[in-house]
Amino acid sequence: MKRSSLSLALSLLLVFASGIAVGVFGHRYFDSTAAHPRAARPQTPDDYRKAYLEEMSKRLSLSQPQKEKLNEILDDTRAKYREVRERHKPEMKAIQDEQVEKVNAMLTESQRAEYAKMRAEREAKRQADEKGRGPKPTSSSK
């Protein structure tokens, strides 16, 4: 009788241990794939626009003239957003410059040098990202 109790206990322990192992591996797999889809493939605004157009077309069964009109609407909206950003760019730059000035004021000389290096690296990355997106469309209203 003792042998079967020991066998039963070991079997239960093995079942629970394998359940834990499957759970851990499943969580790691899920966390590395589904939880971080943008890490694998960053999307550009054009990618989002294309996906939006496809979804609108499929779900609403848009006709070709409606698709063309939707494209015109999206182009107009993009131009208006760009115009607003350009109009507020000097104000945003002033706010950013004020922040940099305040941060520099609290840092030591060696920290200022490292901060300047960090900012230069971040700016280089931003410019590289912009180049990867392709040229910005020019506004025909000016």
N, C-alpha and C. Protein backbone atom coordinates (compact mmCIF):
# COMPACT_ATOMS: atom_id res chain seq x y z
N MET A 1 0.82 -1.19 0.00
CA MET A 1 0.00 0.00 0.00
C MET A 1 0.86 1.25 0.00
N LYS A 2 1.98 1.20 0.69
CA LYS A 2 2.86 2.34 0.77
C LYS A 2 3.43 2.69 -0.60
N ARG A 3 3.72 1.72 -1.40
CA ARG A 3 4.31 1.94 -2.71
C ARG A 3 3.34 2.69 -3.63
N SER A 4 2.08 2.36 -3.61
CA SER A 4 1.13 3.02 -4.47
C SER A 4 0.89 4.47 -4.02
N SER A 5 0.96 4.76 -2.74
CA SER A 5 0.82 6.14 -2.25
C SER A 5 2.00 6.98 -2.72
N LEU A 6 3.19 6.40 -2.65
CA LEU A 6 4.38 7.10 -3.10
C LEU A 6 4.31 7.33 -4.61
N SER A 7 3.86 6.32 -5.34
CA SER A 7 3.72 6.43 -6.79
C SER A 7 2.69 7.50 -7.15
N LEU A 8 1.60 7.55 -6.44
CA LEU A 8 0.56 8.55 -6.67
C LEU A 8 1.09 9.95 -6.38
N ALA A 9 1.81 10.11 -5.30
CA ALA A 9 2.37 11.41 -4.93
C ALA A 9 3.36 11.89 -5.99
N LEU A 10 4.22 11.00 -6.45
CA LEU A 10 5.19 11.36 -7.49
C LEU A 10 4.49 11.72 -8.80
N SER A 11 3.45 11.00 -9.14
CA SER A 11 2.70 11.29 -10.37
C SER A 11 2.05 12.67 -10.29
N LEU A 12 1.44 12.98 -9.15
CA LEU A 12 0.84 14.30 -8.97
C LEU A 12 1.89 15.41 -9.03
N LEU A 13 3.02 15.17 -8.40
CA LEU A 13 4.10 16.14 -8.43
C LEU A 13 4.58 16.37 -9.86
N LEU A 14 4.70 15.32 -10.63
CA LEU A 14 5.13 15.42 -12.03
C LEU A 14 4.10 16.20 -12.86
N VAL A 15 2.82 15.96 -12.64
CA VAL A 15 1.77 16.67 -13.38
C VAL A 15 1.83 18.16 -13.05
N PHE A 16 1.94 18.51 -11.78
CA PHE A 16 2.00 19.93 -11.39
C PHE A 16 3.27 20.60 -11.92
N ALA A 17 4.40 19.90 -11.85
CA ALA A 17 5.65 20.46 -12.35
C ALA A 17 5.59 20.71 -13.85
N SER A 18 5.01 19.77 -14.59
CA SER A 18 4.90 19.97 -16.04
C SER A 18 3.93 21.10 -16.36
N GLY A 19 2.88 21.26 -15.57
CA GLY A 19 1.95 22.38 -15.75
C GLY A 19 2.64 23.71 -15.55
N ILE A 20 3.48 23.78 -14.53
CA ILE A 20 4.23 25.00 -14.26
C ILE A 20 5.18 25.29 -15.42
N ALA A 21 5.88 24.26 -15.90
CA ALA A 21 6.82 24.44 -17.00
C ALA A 21 6.10 24.93 -18.26
N VAL A 22 4.96 24.34 -18.59
CA VAL A 22 4.20 24.77 -19.76
C VAL A 22 3.73 26.22 -19.57
N GLY A 23 3.30 26.56 -18.39
CA GLY A 23 2.87 27.94 -18.12
C GLY A 23 3.99 28.94 -18.29
N VAL A 24 5.16 28.62 -17.77
CA VAL A 24 6.31 29.53 -17.89
C VAL A 24 6.71 29.70 -19.35
N PHE A 25 6.84 28.60 -20.08
CA PHE A 25 7.23 28.70 -21.49
C PHE A 25 6.16 29.40 -22.32
N GLY A 26 4.90 29.13 -22.01
CA GLY A 26 3.82 29.80 -22.73
C GLY A 26 3.82 31.29 -22.48
N HIS A 27 4.04 31.68 -21.24
CA HIS A 27 4.09 33.11 -20.91
C HIS A 27 5.26 33.78 -21.61
N ARG A 28 6.41 33.15 -21.61
CA ARG A 28 7.58 33.74 -22.29
C ARG A 28 7.32 33.88 -23.78
N TYR A 29 6.72 32.87 -24.38
CA TYR A 29 6.43 32.94 -25.82
C TYR A 29 5.44 34.06 -26.09
N PHE A 30 4.36 34.13 -25.33
CA PHE A 30 3.35 35.17 -25.52
C PHE A 30 3.96 36.55 -25.30
N ASP A 31 4.74 36.70 -24.26
CA ASP A 31 5.33 37.99 -23.93
C ASP A 31 6.28 38.47 -25.01
N SER A 32 7.01 37.56 -25.64
CA SER A 32 7.98 37.97 -26.65
C SER A 32 7.35 38.19 -28.02
N THR A 33 6.15 37.70 -28.28
CA THR A 33 5.55 37.87 -29.61
C THR A 33 4.36 38.80 -29.58
N ALA A 34 3.29 38.41 -28.95
CA ALA A 34 2.04 39.17 -29.01
C ALA A 34 2.08 40.44 -28.19
N ALA A 35 2.78 40.45 -27.09
CA ALA A 35 2.76 41.62 -26.21
C ALA A 35 3.58 42.77 -26.77
N HIS A 36 4.50 42.51 -27.68
CA HIS A 36 5.37 43.56 -28.21
C HIS A 36 5.39 43.55 -29.74
N PRO A 37 4.25 43.68 -30.40
CA PRO A 37 4.27 43.62 -31.87
C PRO A 37 5.00 44.78 -32.51
N ARG A 38 5.00 45.96 -31.87
CA ARG A 38 5.67 47.11 -32.46
C ARG A 38 7.18 46.97 -32.40
N ALA A 39 7.68 46.20 -31.43
CA ALA A 39 9.12 46.02 -31.33
C ALA A 39 9.64 45.25 -32.54
N ALA A 40 8.84 44.36 -33.07
CA ALA A 40 9.28 43.57 -34.21
C ALA A 40 9.20 44.35 -35.51
N ARG A 41 8.16 45.24 -35.65
CA ARG A 41 7.99 45.94 -36.92
C ARG A 41 7.34 47.30 -36.67
N PRO A 42 8.17 48.34 -36.57
CA PRO A 42 7.57 49.65 -36.36
C PRO A 42 6.78 50.08 -37.58
N GLN A 43 5.68 50.79 -37.36
CA GLN A 43 4.84 51.22 -38.46
C GLN A 43 4.99 52.72 -38.67
N THR A 44 4.95 53.12 -39.92
CA THR A 44 5.02 54.52 -40.28
C THR A 44 3.61 55.06 -40.41
N PRO A 45 3.46 56.38 -40.46
CA PRO A 45 2.12 56.94 -40.69
C PRO A 45 1.48 56.43 -41.98
N ASP A 46 2.29 56.20 -43.00
CA ASP A 46 1.75 55.66 -44.25
C ASP A 46 1.22 54.24 -44.08
N ASP A 47 1.88 53.45 -43.22
CA ASP A 47 1.39 52.10 -42.94
C ASP A 47 0.04 52.16 -42.25
N TYR A 48 -0.09 53.08 -41.28
CA TYR A 48 -1.37 53.24 -40.59
C TYR A 48 -2.46 53.68 -41.55
N ARG A 49 -2.10 54.61 -42.44
CA ARG A 49 -3.08 55.11 -43.41
C ARG A 49 -3.56 53.98 -44.32
N LYS A 50 -2.62 53.19 -44.80
CA LYS A 50 -2.97 52.08 -45.69
C LYS A 50 -3.90 51.09 -44.98
N ALA A 51 -3.58 50.76 -43.73
CA ALA A 51 -4.42 49.84 -42.96
C ALA A 51 -5.80 50.44 -42.73
N TYR A 52 -5.86 51.75 -42.46
CA TYR A 52 -7.14 52.43 -42.24
C TYR A 52 -7.98 52.39 -43.51
N LEU A 53 -7.35 52.67 -44.64
CA LEU A 53 -8.07 52.63 -45.92
C LEU A 53 -8.59 51.23 -46.22
N GLU A 54 -7.77 50.22 -45.96
CA GLU A 54 -8.20 48.84 -46.20
C GLU A 54 -9.38 48.45 -45.31
N GLU A 55 -9.29 48.81 -44.02
CA GLU A 55 -10.38 48.48 -43.10
C GLU A 55 -11.67 49.20 -43.50
N MET A 56 -11.56 50.49 -43.81
CA MET A 56 -12.74 51.25 -44.23
C MET A 56 -13.35 50.64 -45.48
N SER A 57 -12.50 50.29 -46.43
CA SER A 57 -12.97 49.73 -47.70
C SER A 57 -13.69 48.40 -47.50
N LYS A 58 -13.10 47.53 -46.68
CA LYS A 58 -13.69 46.21 -46.46
C LYS A 58 -14.95 46.27 -45.61
N ARG A 59 -14.87 46.96 -44.48
CA ARG A 59 -16.00 46.95 -43.54
C ARG A 59 -17.19 47.76 -44.03
N LEU A 60 -16.92 48.80 -44.82
CA LEU A 60 -18.01 49.65 -45.30
C LEU A 60 -18.34 49.41 -46.76
N SER A 61 -17.62 48.48 -47.39
CA SER A 61 -17.82 48.18 -48.82
C SER A 61 -17.83 49.45 -49.65
N LEU A 62 -16.74 50.23 -49.53
CA LEU A 62 -16.66 51.50 -50.25
C LEU A 62 -16.52 51.28 -51.76
N SER A 63 -17.18 52.13 -52.51
CA SER A 63 -17.02 52.11 -53.97
C SER A 63 -15.72 52.83 -54.31
N GLN A 64 -15.29 52.73 -55.56
CA GLN A 64 -14.05 53.39 -55.97
C GLN A 64 -14.13 54.91 -55.80
N PRO A 65 -15.26 55.56 -56.19
CA PRO A 65 -15.35 57.01 -55.95
C PRO A 65 -15.28 57.37 -54.46
N GLN A 66 -15.85 56.51 -53.60
CA GLN A 66 -15.78 56.76 -52.17
C GLN A 66 -14.35 56.62 -51.65
N LYS A 67 -13.61 55.66 -52.17
CA LYS A 67 -12.21 55.48 -51.78
C LYS A 67 -11.40 56.71 -52.18
N GLU A 68 -11.66 57.21 -53.38
CA GLU A 68 -10.95 58.40 -53.85
C GLU A 68 -11.28 59.61 -52.97
N LYS A 69 -12.55 59.76 -52.61
CA LYS A 69 -12.97 60.86 -51.76
C LYS A 69 -12.35 60.73 -50.37
N LEU A 70 -12.29 59.51 -49.83
CA LEU A 70 -11.66 59.28 -48.54
C LEU A 70 -10.19 59.67 -48.59
N ASN A 71 -9.50 59.33 -49.67
CA ASN A 71 -8.10 59.72 -49.83
C ASN A 71 -7.96 61.24 -49.83
N GLU A 72 -8.86 61.93 -50.51
CA GLU A 72 -8.83 63.39 -50.53
C GLU A 72 -9.03 63.95 -49.12
N ILE A 73 -9.97 63.37 -48.39
CA ILE A 73 -10.24 63.81 -47.01
C ILE A 73 -8.99 63.61 -46.15
N LEU A 74 -8.35 62.46 -46.27
CA LEU A 74 -7.15 62.17 -45.48
C LEU A 74 -6.00 63.10 -45.87
N ASP A 75 -5.86 63.40 -47.16
CA ASP A 75 -4.83 64.34 -47.61
C ASP A 75 -5.07 65.72 -47.02
N ASP A 76 -6.33 66.17 -47.06
CA ASP A 76 -6.69 67.47 -46.52
C ASP A 76 -6.41 67.54 -45.02
N THR A 77 -6.77 66.47 -44.31
CA THR A 77 -6.54 66.42 -42.86
C THR A 77 -5.04 66.45 -42.56
N ARG A 78 -4.26 65.71 -43.32
CA ARG A 78 -2.81 65.69 -43.13
C ARG A 78 -2.23 67.09 -43.32
N ALA A 79 -2.69 67.78 -44.37
CA ALA A 79 -2.19 69.14 -44.64
C ALA A 79 -2.55 70.09 -43.50
N LYS A 80 -3.76 69.98 -42.98
CA LYS A 80 -4.18 70.85 -41.87
C LYS A 80 -3.36 70.58 -40.61
N TYR A 81 -3.11 69.31 -40.31
CA TYR A 81 -2.27 68.97 -39.16
C TYR A 81 -0.87 69.55 -39.34
N ARG A 82 -0.30 69.39 -40.53
CA ARG A 82 1.04 69.89 -40.80
C ARG A 82 1.08 71.41 -40.62
N GLU A 83 0.05 72.09 -41.09
CA GLU A 83 -0.02 73.54 -40.96
C GLU A 83 -0.04 73.96 -39.49
N VAL A 84 -0.83 73.28 -38.69
CA VAL A 84 -0.90 73.59 -37.26
C VAL A 84 0.45 73.34 -36.60
N ARG A 85 1.09 72.21 -36.94
CA ARG A 85 2.41 71.91 -36.35
C ARG A 85 3.42 72.98 -36.72
N GLU A 86 3.43 73.40 -37.97
CA GLU A 86 4.38 74.42 -38.42
C GLU A 86 4.13 75.75 -37.71
N ARG A 87 2.88 76.09 -37.52
CA ARG A 87 2.52 77.35 -36.87
C ARG A 87 2.99 77.36 -35.42
N HIS A 88 2.94 76.20 -34.75
CA HIS A 88 3.30 76.12 -33.34
C HIS A 88 4.74 75.68 -33.10
N LYS A 89 5.47 75.40 -34.17
CA LYS A 89 6.84 74.92 -34.02
C LYS A 89 7.73 75.89 -33.24
N PRO A 90 7.67 77.21 -33.50
CA PRO A 90 8.52 78.13 -32.71
C PRO A 90 8.20 78.10 -31.22
N GLU A 91 6.93 78.02 -30.87
CA GLU A 91 6.55 77.95 -29.46
C GLU A 91 7.08 76.67 -28.82
N MET A 92 6.94 75.56 -29.52
CA MET A 92 7.40 74.28 -29.00
C MET A 92 8.93 74.29 -28.85
N LYS A 93 9.63 74.89 -29.80
CA LYS A 93 11.09 74.99 -29.74
C LYS A 93 11.51 75.82 -28.53
N ALA A 94 10.80 76.92 -28.26
CA ALA A 94 11.12 77.77 -27.12
C ALA A 94 10.93 77.01 -25.81
N ILE A 95 9.87 76.22 -25.73
CA ILE A 95 9.63 75.42 -24.52
C ILE A 95 10.74 74.39 -24.34
N GLN A 96 11.12 73.74 -25.44
CA GLN A 96 12.19 72.75 -25.36
C GLN A 96 13.51 73.39 -24.96
N ASP A 97 13.82 74.54 -25.56
CA ASP A 97 15.06 75.24 -25.21
C ASP A 97 15.09 75.65 -23.74
N GLU A 98 13.94 76.08 -23.22
CA GLU A 98 13.84 76.44 -21.81
C GLU A 98 14.12 75.23 -20.92
N GLN A 99 13.59 74.07 -21.33
CA GLN A 99 13.82 72.84 -20.55
C GLN A 99 15.31 72.52 -20.54
N VAL A 100 15.95 72.56 -21.70
CA VAL A 100 17.37 72.23 -21.80
C VAL A 100 18.18 73.19 -20.93
N GLU A 101 17.83 74.47 -20.98
CA GLU A 101 18.53 75.47 -20.17
C GLU A 101 18.40 75.17 -18.68
N LYS A 102 17.20 74.81 -18.23
CA LYS A 102 16.97 74.50 -16.82
C LYS A 102 17.72 73.23 -16.40
N VAL A 103 17.70 72.22 -17.27
CA VAL A 103 18.41 70.97 -16.95
C VAL A 103 19.91 71.25 -16.87
N ASN A 104 20.44 72.00 -17.83
CA ASN A 104 21.87 72.33 -17.81
C ASN A 104 22.25 73.09 -16.55
N ALA A 105 21.37 73.96 -16.08
CA ALA A 105 21.66 74.76 -14.88
C ALA A 105 21.81 73.89 -13.64
N MET A 106 21.15 72.76 -13.58
CA MET A 106 21.23 71.92 -12.38
C MET A 106 22.36 70.89 -12.46
N LEU A 107 22.97 70.72 -13.63
CA LEU A 107 24.00 69.70 -13.81
C LEU A 107 25.40 70.24 -13.53
N THR A 108 26.31 69.31 -13.22
CA THR A 108 27.73 69.68 -13.09
C THR A 108 28.31 69.77 -14.50
N GLU A 109 29.52 70.27 -14.60
CA GLU A 109 30.16 70.44 -15.92
C GLU A 109 30.29 69.11 -16.66
N SER A 110 30.71 68.06 -15.96
CA SER A 110 30.86 66.76 -16.62
C SER A 110 29.50 66.19 -17.02
N GLN A 111 28.48 66.42 -16.20
CA GLN A 111 27.14 65.96 -16.54
C GLN A 111 26.60 66.71 -17.76
N ARG A 112 26.91 68.02 -17.86
CA ARG A 112 26.47 68.81 -19.01
C ARG A 112 27.03 68.23 -20.30
N ALA A 113 28.28 67.82 -20.27
CA ALA A 113 28.91 67.24 -21.45
C ALA A 113 28.20 65.95 -21.86
N GLU A 114 27.90 65.11 -20.87
CA GLU A 114 27.20 63.85 -21.16
C GLU A 114 25.78 64.11 -21.63
N TYR A 115 25.12 65.11 -21.05
CA TYR A 115 23.76 65.48 -21.46
C TYR A 115 23.76 65.98 -22.90
N ALA A 116 24.75 66.77 -23.27
CA ALA A 116 24.86 67.25 -24.65
C ALA A 116 25.06 66.07 -25.61
N LYS A 117 25.86 65.12 -25.18
CA LYS A 117 26.09 63.92 -25.99
C LYS A 117 24.79 63.12 -26.14
N MET A 118 24.05 62.96 -25.04
CA MET A 118 22.77 62.24 -25.09
C MET A 118 21.80 62.91 -26.05
N ARG A 119 21.73 64.24 -25.97
CA ARG A 119 20.82 64.98 -26.84
C ARG A 119 21.22 64.84 -28.32
N ALA A 120 22.51 64.86 -28.59
CA ALA A 120 22.99 64.71 -29.97
C ALA A 120 22.66 63.32 -30.50
N GLU A 121 22.84 62.30 -29.67
CA GLU A 121 22.50 60.93 -30.08
C GLU A 121 21.02 60.80 -30.38
N ARG A 122 20.19 61.38 -29.51
CA ARG A 122 18.74 61.32 -29.69
C ARG A 122 18.32 62.05 -30.96
N GLU A 123 18.94 63.18 -31.25
CA GLU A 123 18.63 63.94 -32.46
C GLU A 123 19.05 63.16 -33.71
N ALA A 124 20.20 62.52 -33.66
CA ALA A 124 20.66 61.72 -34.80
C ALA A 124 19.72 60.55 -35.06
N LYS A 125 19.24 59.92 -33.99
CA LYS A 125 18.29 58.82 -34.14
C LYS A 125 16.98 59.31 -34.73
N ARG A 126 16.51 60.47 -34.26
CA ARG A 126 15.26 61.05 -34.77
C ARG A 126 15.38 61.35 -36.27
N GLN A 127 16.52 61.91 -36.67
CA GLN A 127 16.72 62.22 -38.09
C GLN A 127 16.81 60.95 -38.92
N ALA A 128 17.45 59.92 -38.38
CA ALA A 128 17.54 58.64 -39.11
C ALA A 128 16.15 58.03 -39.26
N ASP A 129 15.33 58.13 -38.21
CA ASP A 129 13.96 57.61 -38.28
C ASP A 129 13.15 58.35 -39.33
N GLU A 130 13.33 59.67 -39.39
CA GLU A 130 12.61 60.46 -40.40
C GLU A 130 13.03 60.08 -41.81
N LYS A 131 14.32 59.83 -42.00
CA LYS A 131 14.80 59.41 -43.33
C LYS A 131 14.22 58.07 -43.72
N GLY A 132 14.04 57.18 -42.74
CA GLY A 132 13.48 55.86 -42.99
C GLY A 132 12.03 55.92 -43.41
N ARG A 133 11.34 56.99 -43.04
CA ARG A 133 9.93 57.14 -43.41
C ARG A 133 9.77 57.70 -44.81
N GLY A 134 10.85 58.18 -45.37
CA GLY A 134 10.75 58.76 -46.71
C GLY A 134 10.52 60.26 -46.63
N PRO A 135 10.51 60.91 -47.78
CA PRO A 135 10.35 62.36 -47.78
C PRO A 135 8.96 62.78 -47.35
N LYS A 136 8.90 63.92 -46.67
CA LYS A 136 7.61 64.47 -46.27
C LYS A 136 6.96 65.12 -47.49
N PRO A 137 5.67 64.93 -47.66
CA PRO A 137 5.00 65.60 -48.76
C PRO A 137 5.01 67.11 -48.53
N THR A 138 5.20 67.87 -49.61
CA THR A 138 5.24 69.32 -49.47
C THR A 138 3.86 69.89 -49.57
N SER A 139 3.65 71.00 -48.88
CA SER A 139 2.33 71.65 -48.89
C SER A 139 2.24 72.55 -50.10
N SER A 140 1.16 72.43 -50.86
CA SER A 140 0.99 73.22 -52.07
C SER A 140 0.28 74.54 -51.80
N SER A 141 -0.08 74.81 -50.54
CA SER A 141 -0.82 76.02 -50.22
C SER A 141 0.08 77.23 -50.05
N LYS A 142 1.42 77.04 -49.95
CA LYS A 142 2.32 78.18 -49.74
C LYS A 142 2.97 78.63 -50.98
